[in-house]
């Protein structure tokens, strides 16, 4: 019986390692492909041991290599039969359109399967079909509110649905501000702020911001003079440079909370910005907390900043190394944590 079991295991091992190892591109790549966009490439492979995959686009002279355009790799392709996956390859914005190539120059895609750790070639797929790259389509940056409640109760969350168009990854943000004074747009204070960073490139990308409205926010009906609340959206590039904005001229209506609202709701109205932070991390709506303690912990769980007071509603983070941190705010009203990135 033991000999039979060993024989069956040996047969299975020989069968598995004797499989026809292969890799193929399974998706039908539709031409034309605008420069600066993302090309999705689906694939399927069979391999006996964990391996490495690379899919690349090259500029060729007929079949002679000229230069590399772009590609993507998979560091660990697990062993198996007919394993499927996909790559998303960004076509660099400086790529010459196919129509502007000369002679026999062309673009082709290739995918290869290689062994680990030597990266020895195992199998590949080299389609003869030429890729047709076209000039990039001009993208006009834009951002707008697609829907927002007619009113929101203080101490709850304001949901702002949005849509934006951006040629490259950047940042989008929503801000609720209190304004008024000589002019209705004169800034007084920030009620709430939320930022998405990074915000991926795309056309008519949709999403929603959840902006915590502090319980101590004065209801709109109790404001005086030119005081008002407004909701604004902004789109910026990766460097923080302004691209577009939606600045509603309609005053937003915050309604009063029911009588007897638990003071612990104050903690839910906290928000932090900017994120990523460079020199300071601002904490909005922390002024009314009782006996607050502000602590910053690194990824190893070490407390690197501890303070019982803020300086202009902010904590100095200029001395911290770049990386991910967690800000913990605790008070008699409760505790809330925020993850942020220090540039």
Protein backbone atom coordinates (compact mmCIF):
# COMPACT_ATOMS: atom_id res chain seq x y z
CA UNK A 1 0.00 0.00 0.00
CA UNK A 2 2.83 2.39 0.91
CA UNK A 3 4.60 1.63 -2.39
CA UNK A 4 1.40 2.30 -4.33
CA UNK A 5 0.94 5.67 -2.60
CA UNK A 6 4.52 6.71 -3.35
CA UNK A 7 4.06 5.64 -6.96
CA UNK A 8 0.89 7.76 -7.31
CA UNK A 9 2.59 10.78 -5.76
CA UNK A 10 5.55 10.36 -8.10
CA UNK A 11 3.23 10.13 -11.10
CA UNK A 12 1.40 13.28 -10.02
CA UNK A 13 4.71 15.14 -9.57
CA UNK A 14 5.95 14.08 -12.99
CA UNK A 15 2.61 14.98 -14.56
CA UNK A 16 2.56 18.47 -12.96
CA UNK A 17 6.17 19.28 -13.82
CA UNK A 18 5.76 17.88 -17.29
CA UNK A 19 2.86 20.20 -18.13
CA UNK A 20 3.07 22.41 -21.19
CA UNK A 21 4.09 25.73 -19.66
CA UNK A 22 2.66 28.67 -21.57
CA UNK A 23 1.37 32.22 -21.43
CA UNK A 24 -0.98 34.02 -23.81
CA UNK A 25 -2.69 37.39 -24.14
CA UNK A 26 -6.42 36.65 -24.04
CA UNK A 27 -7.93 40.12 -24.46
CA UNK A 28 -8.75 41.60 -27.84
CA UNK A 29 -6.94 44.95 -27.89
CA UNK A 30 -9.10 47.52 -29.62
CA UNK A 31 -7.38 50.17 -31.72
CA UNK A 32 -7.00 53.13 -31.71
CA UNK A 33 -5.47 53.78 -28.27
CA UNK A 34 -5.09 57.45 -27.23
CA UNK A 35 -1.68 58.37 -25.83
CA UNK A 36 -1.84 59.00 -22.08
CA UNK A 37 -4.61 56.46 -21.44
CA UNK A 38 -4.48 53.06 -19.76
CA UNK A 39 -4.42 49.86 -21.81
CA UNK A 40 -5.85 46.79 -20.06
CA UNK A 41 -4.22 43.50 -21.07
CA UNK A 42 -5.78 40.19 -19.96
CA UNK A 43 -3.64 37.05 -19.90
CA UNK A 44 -3.66 33.34 -19.05
CA UNK A 45 -0.72 31.13 -18.08
CA UNK A 46 0.21 27.61 -17.02
CA UNK A 47 3.43 27.04 -15.07
CA UNK A 48 4.83 24.33 -12.80
CA UNK A 49 6.51 26.60 -10.24
CA UNK A 50 6.08 30.13 -8.98
CA UNK A 51 7.39 32.45 -11.67
CA UNK A 52 7.64 36.02 -12.94
CA UNK A 53 5.55 37.70 -15.67
CA UNK A 54 6.27 40.86 -17.61
CA UNK A 55 4.09 42.51 -20.23
CA UNK A 56 5.66 45.27 -22.29
CA UNK A 57 5.03 47.52 -25.27
CA UNK A 58 7.98 48.18 -27.56
CA UNK A 59 8.77 50.38 -30.53
CA UNK A 60 10.11 48.14 -33.31
CA UNK A 61 11.49 48.44 -36.82
CA UNK A 62 9.43 45.62 -38.32
CA UNK A 63 10.49 43.07 -35.64
CA UNK A 64 13.79 44.68 -34.60
CA UNK A 65 13.74 46.29 -31.16
CA UNK A 66 14.21 50.08 -31.02
CA UNK A 67 12.99 51.21 -27.60
CA UNK A 68 10.74 50.43 -24.67
CA UNK A 69 7.43 52.28 -24.37
CA UNK A 70 5.86 50.96 -21.16
CA UNK A 71 4.84 47.84 -19.30
CA UNK A 72 4.04 46.14 -16.03
CA UNK A 73 5.31 43.07 -14.19
CA UNK A 74 4.01 40.52 -11.71
CA UNK A 75 6.74 39.62 -9.21
CA UNK A 76 5.11 36.39 -8.10
CA UNK A 77 2.99 34.44 -10.56
CA UNK A 78 1.85 31.44 -8.54
CA UNK A 79 2.12 27.98 -10.07
CA UNK A 80 -1.04 26.61 -11.64
CA UNK A 81 -2.96 25.72 -14.76
CA UNK A 82 -4.84 28.30 -16.84
CA UNK A 83 -4.32 31.04 -14.23
CA UNK A 84 -5.79 34.34 -15.40
CA UNK A 85 -5.00 37.95 -14.63
CA UNK A 86 -4.63 41.40 -16.16
CA UNK A 87 -2.21 44.31 -16.43
CA UNK A 88 -3.11 48.01 -16.68
CA UNK A 89 -0.38 49.71 -18.70
CA UNK A 90 -0.29 53.50 -18.93
CA UNK A 91 0.79 54.75 -22.36
CA UNK A 92 3.24 57.61 -21.62
CA UNK A 93 2.04 61.04 -22.70
CA UNK A 94 5.19 61.60 -24.77
CA UNK A 95 4.65 58.53 -26.96
CA UNK A 96 4.79 59.30 -30.69
CA UNK A 97 1.45 58.51 -32.38
CA UNK A 98 1.60 55.56 -34.76
CA UNK A 99 0.65 57.78 -37.72
CA UNK A 100 3.87 59.79 -37.18
CA UNK A 101 6.23 56.79 -37.27
CA UNK A 102 8.46 56.33 -40.30
CA UNK A 103 9.45 53.39 -42.48
CA UNK A 104 8.69 50.02 -40.92
CA UNK A 105 8.46 51.40 -37.39
CA UNK A 106 5.54 50.08 -35.34
CA UNK A 107 4.35 49.31 -31.82
CA UNK A 108 3.78 45.75 -30.63
CA UNK A 109 2.97 44.16 -27.29
CA UNK A 110 4.64 41.09 -25.80
CA UNK A 111 4.26 39.05 -22.64
CA UNK A 112 6.81 36.65 -21.14
CA UNK A 113 6.90 34.06 -18.37
CA UNK A 114 10.24 33.63 -16.58
CA UNK A 115 11.56 31.38 -13.82
CA UNK A 116 12.56 32.56 -10.36
CA UNK A 117 15.08 33.51 -9.13
CA UNK A 118 17.12 33.38 -12.36
CA UNK A 119 14.54 35.05 -14.62
CA UNK A 120 15.18 32.45 -17.31
CA UNK A 121 12.69 32.54 -20.18
CA UNK A 122 9.96 29.87 -19.98
CA UNK A 123 7.32 30.98 -22.48
CA UNK A 124 6.04 34.06 -24.28
CA UNK A 125 3.35 35.47 -26.53
CA UNK A 126 4.33 37.93 -29.28
CA UNK A 127 1.25 39.01 -31.28
CA UNK A 128 1.96 40.31 -34.77
CA UNK A 129 -0.85 42.85 -34.53
CA UNK A 130 0.46 46.40 -34.50
CA UNK A 131 -0.87 48.84 -31.92
CA UNK A 132 -2.33 52.10 -33.18
CA UNK A 133 -1.52 54.92 -30.76
CA UNK A 134 -3.33 58.18 -31.50
CA UNK A 135 -2.67 61.70 -30.27
CA UNK A 136 -3.92 62.41 -26.76
CA UNK A 137 -7.36 63.90 -26.48
CA UNK A 138 -7.38 67.24 -24.70
CA UNK A 139 -8.98 66.94 -21.28
CA UNK A 140 -10.57 69.99 -19.69
CA UNK A 141 -10.39 69.69 -15.88
CA UNK A 142 -13.75 70.10 -14.18
CA UNK A 143 -15.49 69.27 -10.92
CA UNK A 144 -19.09 69.72 -9.81
CA UNK A 145 -21.62 68.73 -7.16
CA UNK A 146 -24.05 66.17 -8.56
CA UNK A 147 -26.34 66.01 -5.53
CA UNK A 148 -26.53 67.37 -1.99
CA UNK A 149 -29.30 67.28 0.64
CA UNK A 150 -31.50 70.37 0.90
CA UNK A 151 -30.48 70.66 4.57
CA UNK A 152 -28.41 68.81 7.16
CA UNK A 153 -28.77 68.62 10.92
CA UNK A 154 -25.79 69.82 12.94
CA UNK A 155 -23.96 66.98 14.66
CA UNK A 156 -24.51 64.66 11.68
CA UNK A 157 -22.75 64.01 8.35
CA UNK A 158 -23.26 66.01 5.18
CA UNK A 159 -23.05 63.78 2.09
CA UNK A 160 -21.78 65.58 -1.03
CA UNK A 161 -21.89 63.60 -4.28
CA UNK A 162 -19.49 64.84 -6.95
CA UNK A 163 -18.17 64.29 -10.46
CA UNK A 164 -14.81 65.36 -11.90
CA UNK A 165 -12.63 65.07 -15.00
CA UNK A 166 -8.83 65.15 -14.73
CA UNK A 167 -6.06 64.29 -17.20
CA UNK A 168 -3.76 63.01 -14.47
CA UNK A 169 -3.97 61.93 -10.83
CA UNK A 170 -4.43 64.78 -8.38
CA UNK A 171 -6.58 65.83 -5.42
CA UNK A 172 -10.25 66.63 -4.89
CA UNK A 173 -11.68 68.24 -1.77
CA UNK A 174 -14.92 69.40 -0.22
CA UNK A 175 -15.08 72.29 2.23
CA UNK A 176 -17.91 73.71 4.29
CA UNK A 177 -17.16 77.25 5.36
CA UNK A 178 -18.84 79.94 7.41
CA UNK A 179 -18.73 83.29 5.62
CA UNK A 180 -20.00 86.82 6.03
CA UNK A 181 -19.02 90.32 7.01
CA UNK A 182 -18.74 93.17 4.54
CA UNK A 183 -19.34 90.68 1.74
CA UNK A 184 -21.25 87.39 1.91
CA UNK A 185 -18.14 85.54 0.66
CA UNK A 186 -15.77 86.90 3.32
CA UNK A 187 -14.25 83.86 5.05
CA UNK A 188 -14.88 83.39 8.78
CA UNK A 189 -14.05 79.76 9.59
CA UNK A 190 -13.96 76.18 8.33
CA UNK A 191 -16.85 74.01 9.49
CA UNK A 192 -15.65 70.79 7.82
CA UNK A 193 -13.08 69.66 5.28
CA UNK A 194 -12.45 66.38 3.47
CA UNK A 195 -9.80 65.63 0.84
CA UNK A 196 -9.24 62.69 -1.50
CA UNK A 197 -5.53 62.29 -2.26
CA UNK A 198 -4.69 60.81 -4.66
CA UNK A 199 -7.70 61.18 -6.92
CA UNK A 200 -7.24 59.03 -10.02
CA UNK A 201 -7.31 60.46 -13.54
CA UNK A 202 -10.41 59.95 -15.63
CA UNK A 203 -13.47 61.44 -17.28
CA UNK A 204 -16.66 61.97 -15.28
CA UNK A 205 -15.27 60.14 -12.25
CA UNK A 206 -17.93 60.01 -9.52
CA UNK A 207 -17.73 59.75 -5.76
CA UNK A 208 -19.09 61.07 -2.49
CA UNK A 209 -17.62 63.04 0.39
CA UNK A 210 -18.81 62.56 3.97
CA UNK A 211 -18.26 65.81 5.85
CA UNK A 212 -18.80 65.69 9.64
CA UNK A 213 -20.73 68.75 10.83
CA UNK A 214 -19.90 69.59 14.46
CA UNK A 215 -22.76 69.54 16.94
CA UNK A 216 -21.84 73.05 18.13
CA UNK A 217 -22.32 74.54 14.64
CA UNK A 218 -24.76 77.45 14.74
CA UNK A 219 -27.90 76.60 12.74
CA UNK A 220 -28.35 78.69 9.60
CA UNK A 221 -31.55 80.23 10.97
CA UNK A 222 -29.60 81.66 13.93
CA UNK A 223 -26.90 83.38 11.84
CA UNK A 224 -26.86 87.18 11.73
CA UNK A 225 -26.14 89.80 9.08
CA UNK A 226 -24.39 88.46 6.00
CA UNK A 227 -23.32 85.25 7.75
CA UNK A 228 -23.90 82.08 5.76
CA UNK A 229 -22.62 78.57 5.08
CA UNK A 230 -21.45 77.41 1.67
CA UNK A 231 -20.18 74.14 0.23
CA UNK A 232 -17.31 74.23 -2.25
CA UNK A 233 -15.46 71.59 -4.26
CA UNK A 234 -11.95 71.95 -5.69
CA UNK A 235 -9.83 69.90 -8.09
CA UNK A 236 -6.04 70.23 -7.90
CA UNK A 237 -3.08 68.51 -9.54
CA UNK A 238 -0.68 66.26 -7.62
CA UNK A 239 1.38 69.32 -6.64
CA UNK A 240 -1.61 71.11 -5.12
CA UNK A 241 -2.08 73.56 -7.98
CA UNK A 242 -5.69 74.61 -8.60
CA UNK A 243 -7.38 73.18 -11.70
CA UNK A 244 -11.11 73.69 -11.23
CA UNK A 245 -13.76 74.38 -8.60
CA UNK A 246 -17.47 74.42 -7.90
CA UNK A 247 -18.36 77.43 -5.78
CA UNK A 248 -22.06 77.46 -5.09
CA UNK A 249 -23.61 80.87 -4.45
CA UNK A 250 -26.49 79.20 -2.61
CA UNK A 251 -26.34 79.48 1.17
CA UNK A 252 -26.47 76.04 2.77
CA UNK A 253 -29.06 75.27 5.44
CA UNK A 254 -27.92 73.58 8.65
CA UNK A 255 -30.77 72.81 11.02
CA UNK A 256 -30.70 72.64 14.82
CA UNK A 257 -30.15 69.34 16.60
CA UNK A 258 -32.93 67.97 18.81
CA UNK A 259 -32.86 69.21 22.40
CA UNK A 260 -30.78 67.09 24.74
CA UNK A 261 -28.21 66.06 22.11
CA UNK A 262 -25.40 64.17 23.84
CA UNK A 263 -22.28 66.28 24.13
CA UNK A 264 -20.27 63.25 23.01
CA UNK A 265 -21.36 64.08 19.47
CA UNK A 266 -18.78 66.87 19.60
CA UNK A 267 -16.07 64.28 18.93
CA UNK A 268 -17.80 63.25 15.70
CA UNK A 269 -17.48 66.76 14.34
CA UNK A 270 -13.68 66.70 14.25
CA UNK A 271 -11.81 66.68 10.96
CA UNK A 272 -8.16 67.04 9.97
CA UNK A 273 -6.47 68.73 7.01
CA UNK A 274 -4.41 68.99 4.91
CA UNK A 275 -3.72 65.33 4.18
CA UNK A 276 -0.91 64.79 3.24
CA UNK A 277 0.53 67.30 5.71
CA UNK A 278 3.84 69.12 5.30
CA UNK A 279 4.49 71.35 8.31
CA UNK A 280 1.26 71.42 10.32
CA UNK A 281 -1.81 69.20 10.68
CA UNK A 282 -4.92 71.25 11.39
CA UNK A 283 -7.76 69.90 13.51
CA UNK A 284 -11.08 71.55 12.84
CA UNK A 285 -13.75 71.95 15.54
CA UNK A 286 -11.54 70.93 18.49
CA UNK A 287 -11.98 74.14 20.47
CA UNK A 288 -14.99 72.93 22.48
CA UNK A 289 -13.48 69.63 23.65
CA UNK A 290 -13.02 69.17 27.39
CA UNK A 291 -9.47 68.27 28.55
CA UNK A 292 -8.30 67.12 25.12
CA UNK A 293 -5.14 65.11 24.47
CA UNK A 294 -3.62 64.94 20.99
CA UNK A 295 -1.25 62.03 20.25
CA UNK A 296 0.49 60.98 17.02
CA UNK A 297 1.65 57.38 16.63
CA UNK A 298 3.90 56.00 13.88
CA UNK A 299 3.46 52.67 12.05
CA UNK A 300 5.48 50.89 14.75
CA UNK A 301 3.06 52.03 17.46
CA UNK A 302 5.49 54.56 18.95
CA UNK A 303 4.05 57.86 20.19
CA UNK A 304 6.04 60.60 18.44
CA UNK A 305 3.93 63.65 19.39
CA UNK A 306 1.81 64.29 22.48
CA UNK A 307 0.13 67.59 23.30
CA UNK A 308 -2.73 68.94 25.42
CA UNK A 309 -3.10 72.13 23.42
CA UNK A 310 -3.17 73.25 19.79
CA UNK A 311 -1.42 76.21 18.22
CA UNK A 312 -3.88 77.99 15.93
CA UNK A 313 -5.95 74.78 15.75
CA UNK A 314 -2.90 72.84 14.50
CA UNK A 315 -0.15 70.45 15.55
CA UNK A 316 3.42 70.93 14.33
CA UNK A 317 4.49 67.86 12.32
CA UNK A 318 7.44 69.42 10.50
CA UNK A 319 9.97 67.28 12.42
CA UNK A 320 8.32 63.96 11.49
CA UNK A 321 9.79 61.75 8.78
CA UNK A 322 7.73 61.08 5.66
CA UNK A 323 5.25 58.27 6.14
CA UNK A 324 1.89 57.19 7.53
CA UNK A 325 0.81 58.20 11.05
CA UNK A 326 -2.31 58.04 13.20
CA UNK A 327 -3.56 61.07 15.13
CA UNK A 328 -5.57 60.16 18.22
CA UNK A 329 -7.81 62.81 19.78
CA UNK A 330 -9.21 61.96 23.21
CA UNK A 331 -11.30 64.06 25.57
CA UNK A 332 -14.16 63.81 28.05
CA UNK A 333 -16.47 63.63 25.02
CA UNK A 334 -14.80 60.54 23.58
CA UNK A 335 -11.98 59.51 21.27
CA UNK A 336 -11.44 59.61 17.50
CA UNK A 337 -8.53 58.50 15.31
CA UNK A 338 -7.36 59.90 11.97
CA UNK A 339 -4.83 58.35 9.58
CA UNK A 340 -2.70 60.89 7.74
CA UNK A 341 0.40 61.02 5.58
CA UNK A 342 3.39 63.27 6.31
CA UNK A 343 5.20 64.42 3.17
